Amino acid sequence: MNLHPDALSFMEEALDLAELGRGTTWPNPMVGAVIVRDGNIVGRGYHLQAGGPHAEVMALEAAGDQAQGASCYVSLEPCCHEGRTPPCTLSLIDAQIGEVVYALADPFPAVAGKGLDKLREAGITVQGPLLEDKARALNAPFLIAHRQKRSAVRLKLALTLDGMIADQEGQSQWLTGPAARLEVHRLRAQHQAVMVGAETVRADNPRLTPRDRGNFGRSQMTRVIITRGGLNLDGSHLLDEVNEHPVWVLTTPAGAASKELKSAGQQGAQIIETAQKSDGFIDLEDGLHQLFNRGIVSLMCEGGATLAGQLLQADLVDRLHIFRAPKVLGGESGKSGFSAPGIDGLAQARQFRRIATKTHDEDIEEILVPEAGIWTETA
């Protein structure tokens, strides 16, 4: 590639701009763009929300007439299809941009290289990828979802030092302190949906809304419940705000036919039937596939132990956050954080790699990804 000497700096700025849309762009990816003329940035833009202006359009508007013959550095391949907004390739061509430098090709089938081809056909110089690994990590959930046709999963667990998720009675409020819980709300607000198992609903009666998020991320959240049988939601906090924060229940055909879930459906919950495995549990891969087909690209799973164990066993965890409290319950006094059938030995263990460690007052957060995982940014 024949790049400007400051090309890395320009792309770094485009990636930093993309970050400003964290949690608010779904189901679209985060994208940032800068327009550079004679070595100076003359326009900046980023995508804030689906249906709103794309990064390239904002940057072009800021640059005005200076965009003609200039270079556009963009963190993701420009789109070339008509959606809720016109294609960015057309805007770049109409502005007579001279060069486009991209960080990462777009896996979305309607784009996937076609945007770059459109630019080349119009006589625009196209160069890239540049800072591809950083761009891939930034939009890892979007990439995972579109490549695997399922929602990307961030699994969060709060555990004691000895790996317990609750005491013998199922009580888990509160293992961790206020600072750690505030960080969980910040993480939750980055996603379209939060998912829990029936045991968490029964034990905690949670709201699962993005509270305490400040001005960060999403204000609206879809709550997903996994249950293979009838789950009584009468009086549940989940149904208090069902119009603002939808409740979706993934369940088996038998569960969907239960009087409890029929009642939940009458109160506003959406009941979604999924495939059932031979052991009677929900086929979670099918469930995540159904969520993706309904527009959920990225979700955060907050337990409990059975759901966490099943996701890990099925290799469906793309990123893992362990919040560890400085407490010990003991083997006879607590419930393990992971409930799944045992393995034959260490050689069969699921392997993760730690990418970051953070402290929240007395609690420690470990962030891990699978060995080949790409969701490695630490925000």
Protein backbone atom coordinates (compact mmCIF):
# COMPACT_ATOMS: atom_id res chain seq x y z
CA MET A 1 0.00 0.00 0.00
CA ASN A 2 1.17 3.50 -0.82
CA LEU A 3 -0.14 5.35 2.25
CA HIS A 4 0.28 8.85 3.64
CA PRO A 5 3.01 9.00 6.34
CA ASP A 6 0.34 9.82 8.95
CA ALA A 7 -2.11 7.18 7.74
CA LEU A 8 -1.96 5.19 11.02
CA SER A 9 -2.75 8.32 13.02
CA PHE A 10 -5.72 9.15 10.78
CA MET A 11 -7.12 5.64 11.11
CA GLU A 12 -6.59 5.68 14.88
CA GLU A 13 -8.77 8.80 15.00
CA ALA A 14 -11.45 7.09 12.89
CA LEU A 15 -11.45 4.15 15.30
CA ASP A 16 -11.63 6.47 18.32
CA LEU A 17 -14.61 8.23 16.74
CA ALA A 18 -16.32 4.88 16.18
CA GLU A 19 -16.14 4.24 19.95
CA LEU A 20 -18.49 7.18 20.53
CA GLY A 21 -21.34 4.99 19.24
CA ARG A 22 -20.67 2.14 21.68
CA GLY A 23 -23.94 0.50 22.70
CA THR A 24 -26.20 2.76 20.62
CA THR A 25 -25.67 1.64 17.01
CA TRP A 26 -27.22 -1.85 17.16
CA PRO A 27 -27.99 -3.73 15.02
CA ASN A 28 -25.41 -1.74 13.04
CA PRO A 29 -21.68 -1.76 13.79
CA MET A 30 -19.68 1.14 15.24
CA VAL A 31 -18.07 3.19 12.48
CA GLY A 32 -15.90 6.32 12.48
CA ALA A 33 -14.53 8.33 9.54
CA VAL A 34 -12.21 11.28 8.92
CA ILE A 35 -11.68 13.28 5.73
CA VAL A 36 -8.04 14.28 5.13
CA ARG A 37 -6.86 16.93 2.67
CA ASP A 38 -3.20 17.93 2.25
CA GLY A 39 -2.32 16.08 5.45
CA ASN A 40 -4.96 17.82 7.58
CA ILE A 41 -8.25 16.45 8.91
CA VAL A 42 -11.06 18.58 7.49
CA GLY A 43 -14.05 16.44 8.47
CA ARG A 44 -14.98 13.97 11.19
CA GLY A 45 -17.99 11.74 11.69
CA TYR A 46 -19.28 8.65 13.50
CA HIS A 47 -22.41 6.53 13.43
CA LEU A 48 -24.57 7.11 16.52
CA GLN A 49 -27.74 5.05 15.97
CA ALA A 50 -29.51 2.89 13.41
CA GLY A 51 -31.48 5.06 11.02
CA GLY A 52 -29.23 8.05 11.69
CA PRO A 53 -26.45 9.42 9.46
CA HIS A 54 -23.51 7.13 8.80
CA ALA A 55 -19.96 8.13 9.71
CA GLU A 56 -18.87 8.87 6.15
CA VAL A 57 -21.86 11.16 5.51
CA MET A 58 -21.23 13.15 8.70
CA ALA A 59 -17.55 13.53 7.81
CA LEU A 60 -18.36 14.61 4.26
CA GLU A 61 -20.84 17.21 5.50
CA ALA A 62 -18.23 18.58 7.89
CA ALA A 63 -15.60 18.74 5.11
CA GLY A 64 -17.88 20.40 2.56
CA ASP A 65 -16.11 21.35 -0.69
CA GLN A 66 -12.77 20.28 0.77
CA ALA A 67 -13.84 16.64 0.34
CA GLN A 68 -13.22 16.81 -3.43
CA GLY A 69 -10.03 14.90 -4.18
CA ALA A 70 -9.43 14.23 -0.45
CA SER A 71 -8.92 10.93 1.39
CA CYS A 72 -11.51 9.26 3.59
CA TYR A 73 -10.21 7.04 6.40
CA VAL A 74 -13.03 4.80 7.62
CA SER A 75 -13.03 2.05 10.25
CA LEU A 76 -15.30 -0.29 8.24
CA GLU A 77 -15.94 -0.82 4.53
CA PRO A 78 -18.51 1.73 3.30
CA CYS A 79 -21.98 0.30 2.74
CA CYS A 80 -23.35 0.01 -0.80
CA HIS A 81 -26.97 -1.00 -0.18
CA GLU A 82 -30.13 1.00 0.37
CA GLY A 83 -31.34 0.65 3.96
CA ARG A 84 -32.86 3.25 6.22
CA THR A 85 -30.24 5.62 4.81
CA PRO A 86 -28.72 5.89 1.28
CA PRO A 87 -25.50 3.94 0.53
CA CYS A 88 -22.30 5.60 1.75
CA THR A 89 -20.49 4.58 -1.44
CA LEU A 90 -22.82 6.85 -3.40
CA SER A 91 -22.15 9.76 -1.03
CA LEU A 92 -18.39 9.29 -1.40
CA ILE A 93 -18.64 9.08 -5.18
CA ASP A 94 -20.89 12.16 -5.39
CA ALA A 95 -18.44 14.13 -3.21
CA GLN A 96 -15.64 13.16 -5.64
CA ILE A 97 -13.46 11.69 -2.91
CA GLY A 98 -10.08 10.74 -4.34
CA GLU A 99 -9.12 7.90 -1.98
CA VAL A 100 -10.73 5.62 0.59
CA VAL A 101 -8.59 3.85 3.20
CA TYR A 102 -10.52 1.24 5.20
CA ALA A 103 -9.64 -0.68 8.34
CA LEU A 104 -11.83 -3.77 7.91
CA ALA A 105 -14.03 -5.37 5.27
CA ASP A 106 -17.71 -5.67 6.20
CA PRO A 107 -19.03 -9.26 6.67
CA PHE A 108 -22.65 -8.16 6.19
CA PRO A 109 -23.80 -10.07 3.06
CA ALA A 110 -25.27 -6.98 1.39
CA VAL A 111 -21.82 -5.34 1.54
CA ALA A 112 -18.98 -7.92 1.94
CA GLY A 113 -16.53 -6.41 -0.56
CA LYS A 114 -19.17 -4.96 -2.85
CA GLY A 115 -18.74 -1.49 -1.35
CA LEU A 116 -15.04 -1.47 -2.17
CA ASP A 117 -15.76 -2.67 -5.71
CA LYS A 118 -18.26 0.18 -6.23
CA LEU A 119 -15.64 2.71 -5.20
CA ARG A 120 -13.00 1.23 -7.49
CA GLU A 121 -15.44 1.18 -10.40
CA ALA A 122 -15.98 4.91 -9.85
CA GLY A 123 -12.23 5.55 -10.16
CA ILE A 124 -11.59 6.06 -6.44
CA THR A 125 -8.32 4.67 -5.06
CA VAL A 126 -9.04 2.06 -2.39
CA GLN A 127 -6.42 0.97 0.14
CA GLY A 128 -6.59 -1.33 3.16
CA PRO A 129 -7.05 -3.06 5.42
CA LEU A 130 -5.23 -0.82 7.90
CA LEU A 131 -5.25 -1.51 11.68
CA GLU A 132 -7.43 -4.51 10.91
CA ASP A 133 -6.93 -6.29 14.25
CA LYS A 134 -8.03 -3.24 16.24
CA ALA A 135 -11.03 -2.71 13.96
CA ARG A 136 -11.97 -6.39 14.27
CA ALA A 137 -11.82 -6.28 18.08
CA LEU A 138 -13.90 -3.08 18.14
CA ASN A 139 -16.79 -4.66 16.21
CA ALA A 140 -16.25 -8.27 17.31
CA PRO A 141 -19.91 -8.94 18.31
CA PHE A 142 -21.12 -7.73 14.90
CA LEU A 143 -18.56 -9.92 13.11
CA ILE A 144 -19.29 -12.99 15.24
CA ALA A 145 -23.04 -12.63 14.79
CA HIS A 146 -22.95 -12.26 11.02
CA ARG A 147 -20.39 -15.01 10.47
CA GLN A 148 -22.07 -17.54 12.78
CA LYS A 149 -25.68 -16.39 12.26
CA ARG A 150 -26.35 -16.17 15.99
CA SER A 151 -26.25 -13.50 18.67
CA ALA A 152 -22.79 -12.86 20.10
CA VAL A 153 -22.62 -13.70 23.82
CA ARG A 154 -20.87 -11.92 26.68
CA LEU A 155 -21.21 -14.05 29.83
CA LYS A 156 -20.96 -12.32 33.21
CA LEU A 157 -20.75 -14.15 36.54
CA ALA A 158 -20.26 -12.90 40.09
CA LEU A 159 -18.46 -15.53 42.19
CA THR A 160 -16.81 -15.99 45.56
CA LEU A 161 -13.11 -16.82 45.82
CA ASP A 162 -14.02 -20.51 45.86
CA GLY A 163 -16.20 -20.25 42.74
CA MET A 164 -19.65 -20.10 44.33
CA ILE A 165 -22.48 -18.17 42.68
CA ALA A 166 -24.90 -18.32 45.64
CA ASP A 167 -25.40 -19.85 49.06
CA GLN A 168 -27.30 -23.07 49.71
CA GLU A 169 -30.62 -21.21 49.68
CA GLY A 170 -29.84 -19.66 46.28
CA GLN A 171 -29.19 -16.21 47.74
CA SER A 172 -26.70 -14.20 45.65
CA GLN A 173 -27.56 -10.57 46.48
CA TRP A 174 -25.05 -9.19 46.94
CA LEU A 175 -21.83 -11.12 46.42
CA THR A 176 -20.04 -8.09 44.97
CA GLY A 177 -19.98 -4.47 46.05
CA PRO A 178 -21.54 -1.31 44.56
CA ALA A 179 -18.58 -0.48 42.30
CA ALA A 180 -18.67 -3.90 40.62
CA ARG A 181 -22.44 -3.73 40.21
CA LEU A 182 -22.12 -0.30 38.60
CA GLU A 183 -19.65 -1.77 36.09
CA VAL A 184 -22.15 -4.55 35.29
CA HIS A 185 -24.76 -1.93 34.42
CA ARG A 186 -22.23 -0.20 32.16
CA LEU A 187 -21.54 -3.50 30.41
CA ARG A 188 -25.25 -4.30 30.15
CA ALA A 189 -25.93 -0.96 28.45
CA GLN A 190 -23.57 -1.91 25.59
CA HIS A 191 -25.91 -4.67 24.42
CA GLN A 192 -29.31 -5.04 22.82
CA ALA A 193 -30.44 -7.77 25.18
CA VAL A 194 -29.70 -9.31 28.56
CA MET A 195 -30.34 -13.04 29.11
CA VAL A 196 -30.87 -15.12 32.25
CA GLY A 197 -32.11 -18.58 33.13
CA ALA A 198 -35.30 -19.43 34.97
CA GLU A 199 -33.43 -20.13 38.22
CA THR A 200 -32.16 -16.52 38.31
CA VAL A 201 -35.69 -15.19 37.77
CA ARG A 202 -37.06 -17.36 40.57
CA ALA A 203 -34.27 -16.56 43.02
CA ASP A 204 -33.73 -12.83 42.41
CA ASN A 205 -36.87 -11.47 40.72
CA PRO A 206 -34.62 -9.12 38.71
CA ARG A 207 -35.54 -6.14 36.55
CA LEU A 208 -32.58 -6.50 34.13
CA THR A 209 -32.89 -2.92 32.91
CA PRO A 210 -29.89 -0.66 32.08
CA ARG A 211 -30.04 1.42 35.27
CA ASP A 212 -27.13 3.49 36.59
CA ARG A 213 -25.68 3.82 33.09
CA GLY A 214 -25.30 7.62 33.10
CA ASN A 215 -25.27 8.87 29.51
CA PHE A 216 -23.60 5.70 28.24
CA GLY A 217 -25.05 3.03 25.97
CA ARG A 218 -28.67 2.01 25.48
CA SER A 219 -31.66 3.15 27.50
CA GLN A 220 -33.88 0.35 26.14
CA MET A 221 -33.17 -3.33 26.73
CA THR A 222 -34.77 -6.61 25.61
CA ARG A 223 -34.85 -9.12 28.47
CA VAL A 224 -34.50 -12.79 27.40
CA ILE A 225 -35.43 -15.66 29.71
CA ILE A 226 -34.42 -19.28 29.10
CA THR A 227 -36.78 -21.93 30.54
CA ARG A 228 -37.58 -25.44 29.40
CA GLY A 229 -40.79 -25.63 31.40
CA GLY A 230 -43.51 -23.42 32.78
CA LEU A 231 -42.15 -20.37 34.59
CA ASN A 232 -44.59 -18.30 36.63
CA LEU A 233 -43.98 -14.61 35.92
CA ASP A 234 -47.07 -13.33 37.74
CA GLY A 235 -45.85 -10.47 39.92
CA SER A 236 -42.39 -10.49 38.35
CA HIS A 237 -40.52 -7.18 38.07
CA LEU A 238 -39.74 -8.21 34.48
CA LEU A 239 -43.34 -7.52 33.47
CA ASP A 240 -43.51 -4.13 35.19
CA GLU A 241 -41.85 -2.34 32.25
CA VAL A 242 -42.59 -4.79 29.44
CA ASN A 243 -43.66 -2.05 27.00
CA GLU A 244 -40.38 -0.16 27.35
CA HIS A 245 -38.13 -3.19 27.88
CA PRO A 246 -39.57 -6.22 26.01
CA VAL A 247 -39.53 -9.67 27.60
CA TRP A 248 -38.82 -12.64 25.34
CA VAL A 249 -39.07 -16.18 26.71
CA LEU A 250 -37.17 -18.92 24.86
CA THR A 251 -38.75 -22.23 25.74
CA THR A 252 -39.62 -25.71 24.58
CA PRO A 253 -42.95 -26.54 22.89
CA ALA A 254 -44.18 -27.99 26.18
CA GLY A 255 -43.13 -24.85 28.02
CA ALA A 256 -44.93 -22.65 25.51
CA ALA A 257 -48.12 -24.64 26.08
CA SER A 258 -47.96 -24.27 29.88
CA LYS A 259 -50.57 -22.13 31.63
CA GLU A 260 -47.79 -20.10 33.30
CA LEU A 261 -46.23 -18.96 30.02
CA LYS A 262 -49.61 -18.46 28.39
CA SER A 263 -50.34 -16.08 31.25
CA ALA A 264 -47.00 -14.33 30.68
CA GLY A 265 -47.87 -13.96 27.01
CA GLN A 266 -51.18 -12.34 27.92
CA GLN A 267 -49.24 -9.85 30.07
CA GLY A 268 -47.00 -8.78 27.19
CA ALA A 269 -44.15 -11.29 27.11
CA GLN A 270 -43.24 -12.80 23.74
CA ILE A 271 -43.02 -16.60 23.88
CA ILE A 272 -40.56 -18.11 21.39
CA GLU A 273 -40.39 -21.86 20.84
CA THR A 274 -36.92 -23.33 20.28
CA ALA A 275 -35.55 -26.73 19.40
CA GLN A 276 -35.18 -29.15 22.29
CA LYS A 277 -32.16 -31.39 22.87
CA SER A 278 -32.39 -35.06 23.75
CA ASP A 279 -31.67 -34.29 27.43
CA GLY A 280 -34.77 -32.07 27.56
CA PHE A 281 -32.91 -28.77 27.68
CA ILE A 282 -33.26 -25.99 25.15
CA ASP A 283 -30.93 -26.06 22.16
CA LEU A 284 -29.16 -22.80 22.98
CA GLU A 285 -27.51 -22.51 19.58
CA ASP A 286 -30.95 -22.61 17.97
CA GLY A 287 -32.17 -20.07 20.51
CA LEU A 288 -29.31 -17.67 19.70
CA HIS A 289 -29.98 -18.22 16.01
CA GLN A 290 -33.61 -17.23 16.51
CA LEU A 291 -32.58 -14.12 18.43
CA PHE A 292 -30.22 -13.13 15.60
CA ASN A 293 -33.04 -13.55 13.09
CA ARG A 294 -35.07 -11.15 15.24
CA GLY A 295 -32.32 -8.54 15.08
CA ILE A 296 -30.39 -9.26 18.29
CA VAL A 297 -26.71 -9.04 17.34
CA SER A 298 -25.20 -8.75 20.81
CA LEU A 299 -26.43 -9.93 24.20
CA MET A 300 -25.12 -10.18 27.73
CA CYS A 301 -25.89 -13.31 29.73
CA GLU A 302 -26.03 -12.86 33.51
CA GLY A 303 -26.52 -16.46 34.63
CA GLY A 304 -27.37 -18.52 36.54
CA ALA A 305 -25.16 -21.52 36.97
CA THR A 306 -27.07 -23.95 34.73
CA LEU A 307 -27.34 -21.55 31.80
CA ALA A 308 -23.68 -20.53 32.18
CA GLY A 309 -22.58 -24.17 32.18
CA GLN A 310 -24.65 -25.02 29.12
CA LEU A 311 -23.32 -22.04 27.14
CA LEU A 312 -19.73 -22.93 28.01
CA GLN A 313 -20.27 -26.60 27.22
CA ALA A 314 -21.70 -25.69 23.80
CA ASP A 315 -18.82 -23.27 23.05
CA LEU A 316 -21.26 -20.38 22.74
CA VAL A 317 -19.43 -17.91 25.01
CA ASP A 318 -17.55 -15.26 23.04
CA ARG A 319 -16.38 -13.25 26.03
CA LEU A 320 -16.36 -14.01 29.76
CA HIS A 321 -16.38 -11.57 32.70
CA ILE A 322 -15.78 -13.05 36.16
CA PHE A 323 -16.41 -10.66 39.05
CA ARG A 324 -14.72 -12.25 42.06
CA ALA A 325 -15.65 -11.12 45.56
CA PRO A 326 -13.22 -11.60 48.50
CA LYS A 327 -15.57 -14.06 50.20
CA VAL A 328 -15.48 -17.80 50.82
CA LEU A 329 -18.63 -19.92 51.22
CA GLY A 330 -17.11 -23.39 51.30
CA GLY A 331 -18.03 -26.52 49.37
CA GLU A 332 -20.91 -27.47 51.67
CA SER A 333 -22.31 -23.95 51.92
CA GLY A 334 -22.59 -22.71 48.36
CA LYS A 335 -23.64 -23.37 44.81
CA SER A 336 -20.99 -23.67 42.10
CA GLY A 337 -20.90 -20.94 39.46
CA PHE A 338 -20.99 -23.49 36.64
CA SER A 339 -23.46 -26.33 36.49
CA ALA A 340 -22.79 -28.74 33.62
CA PRO A 341 -21.97 -32.44 33.12
CA GLY A 342 -18.40 -33.30 34.08
CA ILE A 343 -15.62 -33.85 31.56
CA ASP A 344 -13.29 -36.84 31.24
CA GLY A 345 -10.15 -34.94 32.19
CA LEU A 346 -8.06 -31.79 31.96
CA ALA A 347 -7.42 -32.35 28.25
CA GLN A 348 -11.14 -31.77 27.55
CA ALA A 349 -11.35 -28.52 29.53
CA ARG A 350 -12.58 -25.38 27.75
CA GLN A 351 -9.58 -23.10 27.42
CA PHE A 352 -9.80 -19.33 27.79
CA ARG A 353 -7.14 -16.62 27.78
CA ARG A 354 -7.18 -13.65 30.11
CA ILE A 355 -7.02 -10.32 28.27
CA ALA A 356 -7.51 -7.90 31.17
CA THR A 357 -7.95 -7.64 34.94
CA LYS A 358 -9.71 -4.73 36.64
CA THR A 359 -10.37 -3.85 40.27
CA HIS A 360 -13.65 -2.44 41.59
CA ASP A 361 -12.92 -1.54 45.22
CA GLU A 362 -12.52 -4.95 46.89
CA ASP A 363 -13.76 -6.98 43.92
CA ILE A 364 -11.68 -8.18 40.96
CA GLU A 365 -12.97 -8.50 37.40
CA GLU A 366 -11.27 -10.92 35.02
CA ILE A 367 -12.01 -10.56 31.29
CA LEU A 368 -11.39 -13.68 29.19
CA VAL A 369 -12.00 -14.87 25.64
CA PRO A 370 -11.77 -18.34 24.03
CA GLU A 371 -8.34 -19.25 22.68
CA ALA A 372 -9.26 -18.12 19.16
CA GLY A 373 -11.58 -15.33 20.32
CA ILE A 374 -11.57 -11.93 18.60
CA TRP A 375 -13.58 -9.91 21.17
CA THR A 376 -10.41 -8.53 22.73
CA GLU A 377 -11.04 -4.80 23.21
CA THR A 378 -11.14 -3.99 26.92
CA ALA A 379 -13.97 -1.40 27.01
